[in-house]
Amino acid sequence: MAEAGRAGGSPAAARRPVPPRPPAGPGRAVQVSVIVPVHNSESWLDECLKSVWEQDFKETMELSVFNDASKDGSAEIIEKWKTKLEGAGVPVIIGSNESSQPRGVGFAKNQAVIQSSGTYLCFLDSDDVMMPQRVRLQHEAAIQRPNSIIGCQVRREPLESTERYTRWINNLTEEELLTQVFTSHGPTVIMPTWFCSREWFFHVGKFDEGGKGVPEDLLFFYKHIQKGGEVFRVNHCLLLYRYHPQAATHSVLEGTIWNHRVRFLEDRVLSSWTSFTIWNAGKQGKKLYRSLSPANQKKVTAFCDVDEKKITRGFYTYEESEVRPKPKIPICHFRDATPPFIICVKLDLTGGVFETNLNMLNLKEGVDYYHFN
């Protein structure tokens, strides 16, 4: 089959039945387990599992589904595809939580991994659709990179939803995949595109099983980075990534994610800096300052901005502080500020003005500054 185009290009590929692949059996290890957690997914599941069947991967592959207390027709759809997939030489393992309450996405993903046996794991959300070459191309990349999470470019459905986010996912450079891990966008390769070795997955240590409201993918990604893991993206559009109100992402509180991000920034970056400037003397910059530990607040030498009103004010006084006298942090123009910077200005929102200002300073991302917003 022809390869899908770059992100944003048409992912259309010939939809023909894939010839049966050699079945896994005694002495034939399963190369790839496709991991699918399911909870009330009947609206999308048919298309999702069909995309497993349409993979052009020639080596051994299995599907591992964990049905987390679905109350709709998901179980019947899974059984239908079990018959089809096994007929095409793809074993299907089905686990389920039979209680009335779902245990959450982290639990379902862990169970699907535990019951599977593949050397590599290909994560797939039940509302998304893989392009036929996804498993093949990510498997090729993963073999070369045993300690990496491999992602890919995506096409958003509907197309106009989350345009800034989609551009960010698809266009980060190889360096930015590791430097832009602190932004509000979350993991630099998104969870429904993850592909990694089983060995590395268990080295990192499974997903958090706290259930609804826990950003299990973000926490796993942070642990992955902390353990020296790398991040790589296959530059082809290999996933149709759906946006809809029922998505589990929407159940995580913004405040929860903010706190995890601040702690991660403190651990990975601020712990080795003796002083720094916060770029943004507005709401977001001040919020970051107030969220820092007292030791890191003391390292903030200034806020910088372009807004003359804020600069003219001269100082930000931390009124809520219990320290006396209350901390007063200078506010200056970004051209007069001293790096390193933590930047609390959103990217891709000012028509290129902010990016031009930043480029003017000839700084190196990951050394002289990190993006936080």
Protein backbone atom coordinates (compact mmCIF):
# COMPACT_ATOMS: atom_id res chain seq x y z
CA MET A 1 0.00 0.00 0.00
CA ALA A 2 1.13 3.54 -0.71
CA GLU A 3 2.37 5.42 2.31
CA ALA A 4 0.17 8.14 3.77
CA GLY A 5 1.26 11.69 3.07
CA ARG A 6 2.73 14.09 5.57
CA ALA A 7 0.44 15.44 8.26
CA GLY A 8 -2.40 17.42 6.84
CA GLY A 9 -2.21 15.48 3.55
CA SER A 10 -4.81 12.95 2.56
CA PRO A 11 -4.49 9.72 4.55
CA ALA A 12 -6.59 7.83 2.04
CA ALA A 13 -5.18 4.43 1.24
CA ALA A 14 -6.55 1.53 -0.75
CA ARG A 15 -9.00 -0.34 1.47
CA ARG A 16 -8.39 -3.93 0.49
CA PRO A 17 -8.35 -6.94 2.78
CA VAL A 18 -4.88 -7.66 4.10
CA PRO A 19 -3.63 -11.17 3.24
CA PRO A 20 -3.41 -13.46 6.29
CA ARG A 21 -0.09 -13.00 8.07
CA PRO A 22 1.82 -15.91 9.58
CA PRO A 23 0.04 -16.84 12.81
CA ALA A 24 1.87 -16.55 16.11
CA GLY A 25 2.43 -19.96 17.59
CA PRO A 26 4.94 -22.01 19.57
CA GLY A 27 8.39 -20.62 18.85
CA ARG A 28 6.93 -17.62 16.99
CA ALA A 29 6.99 -14.64 19.32
CA VAL A 30 4.39 -11.93 18.78
CA GLN A 31 6.21 -8.82 17.53
CA VAL A 32 3.49 -6.20 18.18
CA SER A 33 0.50 -6.05 20.52
CA VAL A 34 -2.07 -3.39 19.63
CA ILE A 35 -3.39 -2.12 22.99
CA VAL A 36 -7.01 -0.88 23.02
CA PRO A 37 -8.82 0.19 26.23
CA VAL A 38 -12.60 0.30 25.72
CA HIS A 39 -15.37 2.03 27.68
CA ASN A 40 -18.76 2.63 26.01
CA SER A 41 -17.11 3.04 22.61
CA GLU A 42 -19.75 1.56 20.28
CA SER A 43 -19.98 4.78 18.19
CA TRP A 44 -16.36 4.48 17.03
CA LEU A 45 -15.15 0.97 17.82
CA ASP A 46 -16.08 -0.65 14.51
CA GLU A 47 -13.92 1.77 12.52
CA CYS A 48 -11.13 1.55 15.09
CA LEU A 49 -10.88 -2.28 14.98
CA LYS A 50 -11.26 -2.32 11.20
CA SER A 51 -8.09 -0.20 11.07
CA VAL A 52 -6.25 -2.96 13.00
CA TRP A 53 -7.44 -5.48 10.40
CA GLU A 54 -6.20 -3.22 7.57
CA GLN A 55 -2.59 -2.98 8.81
CA ASP A 56 -0.01 -3.86 6.15
CA PHE A 57 2.48 -5.13 8.78
CA LYS A 58 3.82 -8.50 7.64
CA GLU A 59 5.15 -9.82 10.95
CA THR A 60 3.23 -11.30 13.89
CA MET A 61 0.69 -9.01 15.52
CA GLU A 62 -2.06 -9.44 18.11
CA LEU A 63 -4.90 -7.27 19.39
CA SER A 64 -5.31 -6.89 23.15
CA VAL A 65 -8.59 -5.27 24.21
CA PHE A 66 -9.69 -4.50 27.75
CA ASN A 67 -13.38 -3.68 28.10
CA ASP A 68 -13.77 -1.50 31.19
CA ALA A 69 -17.41 -1.97 32.34
CA SER A 70 -19.01 -0.86 29.05
CA LYS A 71 -22.81 -0.75 29.17
CA ASP A 72 -23.36 -0.31 25.42
CA GLY A 73 -22.78 -2.65 22.46
CA SER A 74 -18.96 -2.55 22.65
CA ALA A 75 -18.61 -6.23 23.69
CA GLU A 76 -20.54 -7.45 20.62
CA ILE A 77 -18.39 -5.33 18.27
CA ILE A 78 -15.21 -6.73 19.88
CA GLU A 79 -16.47 -10.33 19.39
CA LYS A 80 -17.32 -9.65 15.74
CA TRP A 81 -13.80 -8.36 15.05
CA LYS A 82 -12.22 -11.19 17.04
CA THR A 83 -13.61 -13.65 14.47
CA LYS A 84 -12.45 -11.53 11.51
CA LEU A 85 -8.99 -10.79 12.89
CA GLU A 86 -8.26 -14.36 13.94
CA GLY A 87 -9.29 -15.45 10.44
CA ALA A 88 -6.56 -13.11 9.15
CA GLY A 89 -3.94 -14.57 11.52
CA VAL A 90 -4.20 -11.89 14.25
CA PRO A 91 -4.88 -13.41 17.71
CA VAL A 92 -7.28 -11.36 19.87
CA ILE A 93 -7.07 -11.29 23.68
CA ILE A 94 -10.09 -9.85 25.47
CA GLY A 95 -10.14 -8.88 29.12
CA SER A 96 -12.98 -7.17 30.94
CA ASN A 97 -14.02 -5.47 34.14
CA GLU A 98 -17.46 -6.96 34.82
CA SER A 99 -18.33 -4.65 37.74
CA SER A 100 -20.81 -1.79 37.38
CA GLN A 101 -18.10 0.86 37.75
CA PRO A 102 -15.26 1.51 35.29
CA ARG A 103 -11.77 1.49 36.83
CA GLY A 104 -10.46 4.19 34.46
CA VAL A 105 -8.23 4.53 31.43
CA GLY A 106 -4.93 3.89 33.26
CA PHE A 107 -6.21 0.61 34.69
CA ALA A 108 -7.70 -0.51 31.34
CA LYS A 109 -4.47 0.22 29.46
CA ASN A 110 -2.35 -1.59 32.07
CA GLN A 111 -4.61 -4.64 31.95
CA ALA A 112 -4.51 -4.73 28.14
CA VAL A 113 -0.69 -4.60 28.31
CA ILE A 114 -0.43 -7.27 31.05
CA GLN A 115 -2.60 -9.78 29.17
CA SER A 116 -0.69 -9.22 25.90
CA SER A 117 2.64 -10.77 24.88
CA GLY A 118 4.11 -8.62 22.08
CA THR A 119 7.73 -7.48 22.12
CA TYR A 120 6.38 -4.03 21.17
CA LEU A 121 3.23 -2.18 22.25
CA CYS A 122 1.16 -0.04 19.91
CA PHE A 123 -1.37 2.08 21.83
CA LEU A 124 -4.67 2.89 20.16
CA ASP A 125 -7.68 4.70 21.62
CA SER A 126 -11.04 3.14 20.79
CA ASP A 127 -12.29 6.34 19.12
CA ASP A 128 -9.31 6.72 16.77
CA VAL A 129 -8.39 5.12 13.43
CA MET A 130 -4.94 3.94 12.29
CA MET A 131 -3.64 4.36 8.76
CA PRO A 132 -2.69 0.95 7.24
CA GLN A 133 1.07 1.56 7.56
CA ARG A 134 1.11 2.74 11.16
CA VAL A 135 2.31 -0.47 12.86
CA ARG A 136 4.90 -1.17 10.15
CA LEU A 137 6.49 2.30 10.17
CA GLN A 138 6.51 2.72 13.96
CA HIS A 139 7.87 -0.81 14.44
CA GLU A 140 10.75 0.03 12.06
CA ALA A 141 11.49 3.18 14.11
CA ALA A 142 11.18 1.42 17.50
CA ILE A 143 13.70 -1.30 16.61
CA GLN A 144 16.32 1.45 16.21
CA ARG A 145 15.33 3.24 19.45
CA PRO A 146 14.79 0.82 22.38
CA ASN A 147 14.37 3.57 25.04
CA SER A 148 12.02 5.78 23.05
CA ILE A 149 8.34 6.53 22.90
CA ILE A 150 7.63 6.66 19.17
CA GLY A 151 4.80 8.92 18.01
CA CYS A 152 3.53 10.03 14.61
CA GLN A 153 1.75 12.90 12.93
CA VAL A 154 -2.05 12.98 13.07
CA ARG A 155 -5.08 14.26 11.23
CA ARG A 156 -7.68 15.80 13.53
CA GLU A 157 -11.35 14.93 13.14
CA PRO A 158 -13.21 17.32 12.85
CA LEU A 159 -10.46 19.03 10.88
CA GLU A 160 -10.98 22.53 12.32
CA SER A 161 -10.96 21.44 15.99
CA THR A 162 -7.86 22.31 18.08
CA GLU A 163 -5.95 23.78 15.12
CA ARG A 164 -3.08 25.27 17.18
CA TYR A 165 -2.64 22.03 19.12
CA THR A 166 -2.63 19.92 15.94
CA ARG A 167 -0.04 22.20 14.29
CA TRP A 168 2.12 21.88 17.41
CA ILE A 169 1.85 18.04 17.49
CA ASN A 170 2.75 17.70 13.83
CA ASN A 171 5.52 20.27 13.47
CA LEU A 172 7.75 20.05 16.56
CA THR A 173 11.39 19.54 15.60
CA GLU A 174 13.39 16.61 16.95
CA GLU A 175 14.95 18.89 19.61
CA GLU A 176 11.58 20.44 20.58
CA LEU A 177 10.14 16.97 21.27
CA LEU A 178 12.37 17.05 24.37
CA THR A 179 12.50 20.79 25.18
CA GLN A 180 8.76 21.57 24.93
CA VAL A 181 7.64 18.93 27.44
CA PHE A 182 6.54 21.56 30.01
CA THR A 183 3.80 23.32 28.02
CA SER A 184 0.05 23.11 28.65
CA HIS A 185 -0.21 20.94 25.51
CA GLY A 186 1.19 17.98 27.49
CA PRO A 187 3.25 15.13 25.98
CA THR A 188 5.08 16.17 22.80
CA VAL A 189 3.93 12.95 21.12
CA ILE A 190 0.30 12.29 21.99
CA MET A 191 -0.69 9.09 23.80
CA PRO A 192 -2.95 7.60 21.07
CA THR A 193 0.14 7.55 18.79
CA TRP A 194 2.52 5.88 21.30
CA PHE A 195 4.55 2.85 20.29
CA CYS A 196 7.32 1.43 22.52
CA SER A 197 8.98 -1.80 23.60
CA ARG A 198 7.31 -3.88 26.31
CA GLU A 199 10.61 -3.94 28.20
CA TRP A 200 10.82 -0.13 28.25
CA PHE A 201 7.14 0.21 29.26
CA PHE A 202 7.69 -1.91 32.38
CA HIS A 203 10.99 -0.14 33.08
CA VAL A 204 9.05 3.15 33.25
CA GLY A 205 6.43 1.44 35.39
CA LYS A 206 2.87 1.32 33.98
CA PHE A 207 0.11 3.94 34.00
CA ASP A 208 -1.28 5.60 37.13
CA GLU A 209 -4.56 3.85 38.03
CA GLY A 210 -6.13 6.70 40.02
CA GLY A 211 -9.07 6.74 37.60
CA LYS A 212 -11.19 9.68 36.46
CA GLY A 213 -9.45 13.04 36.68
CA VAL A 214 -5.89 11.60 36.64
CA PRO A 215 -3.71 12.64 33.63
CA GLU A 216 -2.24 9.12 33.36
CA ASP A 217 -0.55 9.74 30.00
CA LEU A 218 1.16 12.94 31.22
CA LEU A 219 2.42 11.23 34.41
CA PHE A 220 3.75 8.26 32.42
CA PHE A 221 5.44 10.63 29.95
CA TYR A 222 7.14 12.53 32.81
CA LYS A 223 8.40 9.26 34.37
CA HIS A 224 9.66 8.22 30.92
CA ILE A 225 11.68 11.47 30.61
CA GLN A 226 12.96 11.20 34.20
CA LYS A 227 14.28 7.69 33.46
CA GLY A 228 16.27 8.96 30.46
CA GLY A 229 13.69 8.01 27.83
CA GLU A 230 13.80 9.60 24.39
CA VAL A 231 11.03 10.86 22.14
CA PHE A 232 10.81 10.30 18.40
CA ARG A 233 8.09 11.04 15.84
CA VAL A 234 7.56 9.22 12.54
CA ASN A 235 6.87 12.08 10.13
CA HIS A 236 3.86 10.56 8.43
CA CYS A 237 0.20 11.03 9.26
CA LEU A 238 -0.60 7.60 10.71
CA LEU A 239 -3.65 8.32 12.90
CA LEU A 240 -7.07 9.90 12.56
CA TYR A 241 -7.35 11.57 15.98
CA ARG A 242 -10.94 12.28 17.01
CA TYR A 243 -12.09 15.24 19.09
CA HIS A 244 -15.43 14.90 20.87
CA PRO A 245 -16.98 15.91 24.21
CA GLN A 246 -16.97 12.34 25.64
CA ALA A 247 -13.16 12.00 25.36
CA ALA A 248 -11.51 11.00 28.67
CA THR A 249 -9.13 13.99 28.34
CA HIS A 250 -11.96 16.34 29.29
CA SER A 251 -12.34 14.75 32.74
CA VAL A 252 -8.92 16.00 33.95
CA LEU A 253 -8.97 19.28 35.87
CA GLU A 254 -6.76 22.08 34.57
CA GLY A 255 -5.46 22.77 38.09
CA THR A 256 -4.29 19.15 38.47
CA ILE A 257 -2.29 19.34 35.24
CA TRP A 258 -0.88 22.77 36.18
CA ASN A 259 0.48 21.45 39.50
CA HIS A 260 2.10 18.41 37.84
CA ARG A 261 3.69 20.69 35.21
CA VAL A 262 5.12 23.10 37.80
CA ARG A 263 6.62 20.27 39.87
CA PHE A 264 8.14 18.71 36.74
CA LEU A 265 9.63 22.07 35.67
CA GLU A 266 11.11 22.57 39.14
CA ASP A 267 12.58 19.07 39.14
CA ARG A 268 13.99 19.05 35.59
CA VAL A 269 15.06 22.68 35.06
CA LEU A 270 14.86 25.04 38.01
CA SER A 271 16.74 22.72 40.37
CA SER A 272 19.91 23.39 38.34
CA TRP A 273 19.38 27.15 37.78
CA THR A 274 20.54 29.72 40.34
CA SER A 275 18.43 32.56 38.90
CA PHE A 276 15.98 33.16 36.04
CA THR A 277 13.50 35.61 34.50
CA ILE A 278 9.79 34.90 33.93
CA TRP A 279 8.76 36.16 30.48
CA ASN A 280 5.23 37.57 31.00
CA ALA A 281 4.38 40.07 33.73
CA GLY A 282 0.68 39.31 33.28
CA LYS A 283 -1.67 36.73 34.75
CA GLN A 284 0.15 33.57 33.62
CA GLY A 285 3.61 34.74 34.65
CA LYS A 286 2.40 35.76 38.11
CA LYS A 287 0.49 32.50 38.49
CA LEU A 288 3.68 30.56 37.77
CA TYR A 289 5.64 32.66 40.30
CA ARG A 290 3.02 32.05 43.02
CA SER A 291 3.02 28.29 42.26
CA LEU A 292 6.77 27.89 42.72
CA SER A 293 8.36 26.59 45.91
CA PRO A 294 9.74 29.36 48.18
CA ALA A 295 13.30 28.34 47.19
CA ASN A 296 12.51 28.78 43.48
CA GLN A 297 10.59 32.04 44.04
CA LYS A 298 13.84 33.46 45.44
CA LYS A 299 15.60 32.63 42.15
CA VAL A 300 13.25 34.89 40.10
CA THR A 301 15.29 38.04 39.38
CA ALA A 302 12.66 39.75 37.20
CA PHE A 303 9.54 39.55 35.07
CA CYS A 304 9.88 40.79 31.49
CA ASP A 305 7.24 41.91 29.01
CA VAL A 306 6.49 44.14 26.01
CA ASP A 307 3.52 45.90 27.64
CA GLU A 308 4.62 49.44 28.52
CA LYS A 309 1.93 49.74 31.24
CA LYS A 310 3.29 46.72 33.11
CA ILE A 311 6.90 47.84 32.62
CA THR A 312 6.12 51.38 33.87
CA ARG A 313 4.66 49.88 37.06
CA GLY A 314 8.24 48.80 37.78
CA PHE A 315 7.56 45.96 40.25
CA TYR A 316 5.27 43.06 41.03
CA THR A 317 4.57 42.84 44.76
CA TYR A 318 3.69 39.37 45.98
CA GLU A 319 0.87 40.46 48.32
CA GLU A 320 -0.07 36.93 49.47
CA SER A 321 3.45 36.25 50.73
CA GLU A 322 4.00 35.60 54.42
CA VAL A 323 7.56 36.88 54.09
CA ARG A 324 8.24 40.41 55.44
CA PRO A 325 8.96 42.68 53.73
CA LYS A 326 6.79 41.28 50.92
CA PRO A 327 8.84 40.23 47.86
CA LYS A 328 8.97 42.90 45.11
CA ILE A 329 10.11 41.56 41.74
CA PRO A 330 11.26 44.05 39.08
CA ILE A 331 9.45 44.23 35.71
CA CYS A 332 11.56 45.14 32.66
CA HIS A 333 11.40 45.12 28.87
CA PHE A 334 12.36 41.73 27.40
CA ARG A 335 15.37 43.34 25.63
CA ASP A 336 16.77 44.43 29.02
CA ALA A 337 16.13 41.09 30.75
CA THR A 338 18.75 38.52 31.70
CA PRO A 339 18.37 34.90 30.58
CA PRO A 340 17.63 32.12 31.31
CA PHE A 341 13.89 32.56 30.81
CA ILE A 342 10.80 30.54 31.62
CA ILE A 343 8.40 31.74 28.95
CA CYS A 344 4.72 32.01 29.88
CA VAL A 345 3.52 33.37 26.52
CA LYS A 346 1.44 31.08 24.33
CA LEU A 347 3.06 30.16 21.02
CA ASP A 348 1.36 30.64 17.65
CA LEU A 349 -1.14 33.23 18.94
CA THR A 350 0.36 36.66 18.18
CA GLY A 351 0.72 36.43 14.41
CA GLY A 352 4.44 35.78 14.81
CA VAL A 353 5.19 38.93 16.88
CA PHE A 354 6.27 37.05 20.02
CA GLU A 355 8.32 34.52 18.01
CA THR A 356 10.12 37.41 16.21
CA ASN A 357 10.95 39.07 19.54
CA LEU A 358 12.33 35.80 20.91
CA ASN A 359 14.41 35.08 17.77
CA MET A 360 15.90 38.59 17.99
CA LEU A 361 17.72 37.56 21.19
CA ASN A 362 19.61 34.66 19.54
CA LEU A 363 19.01 32.31 22.45
CA LYS A 364 19.09 28.51 22.47
CA GLU A 365 15.95 26.66 23.55
CA GLY A 366 16.67 24.08 26.24
CA VAL A 367 19.66 26.12 27.48
CA ASP A 368 18.65 29.80 27.64
CA TYR A 369 14.90 29.30 27.84
CA TYR A 370 12.03 26.84 28.14
CA HIS A 371 8.42 27.31 27.11
CA PHE A 372 5.90 26.77 29.90
CA ASN A 373 2.62 27.97 28.38
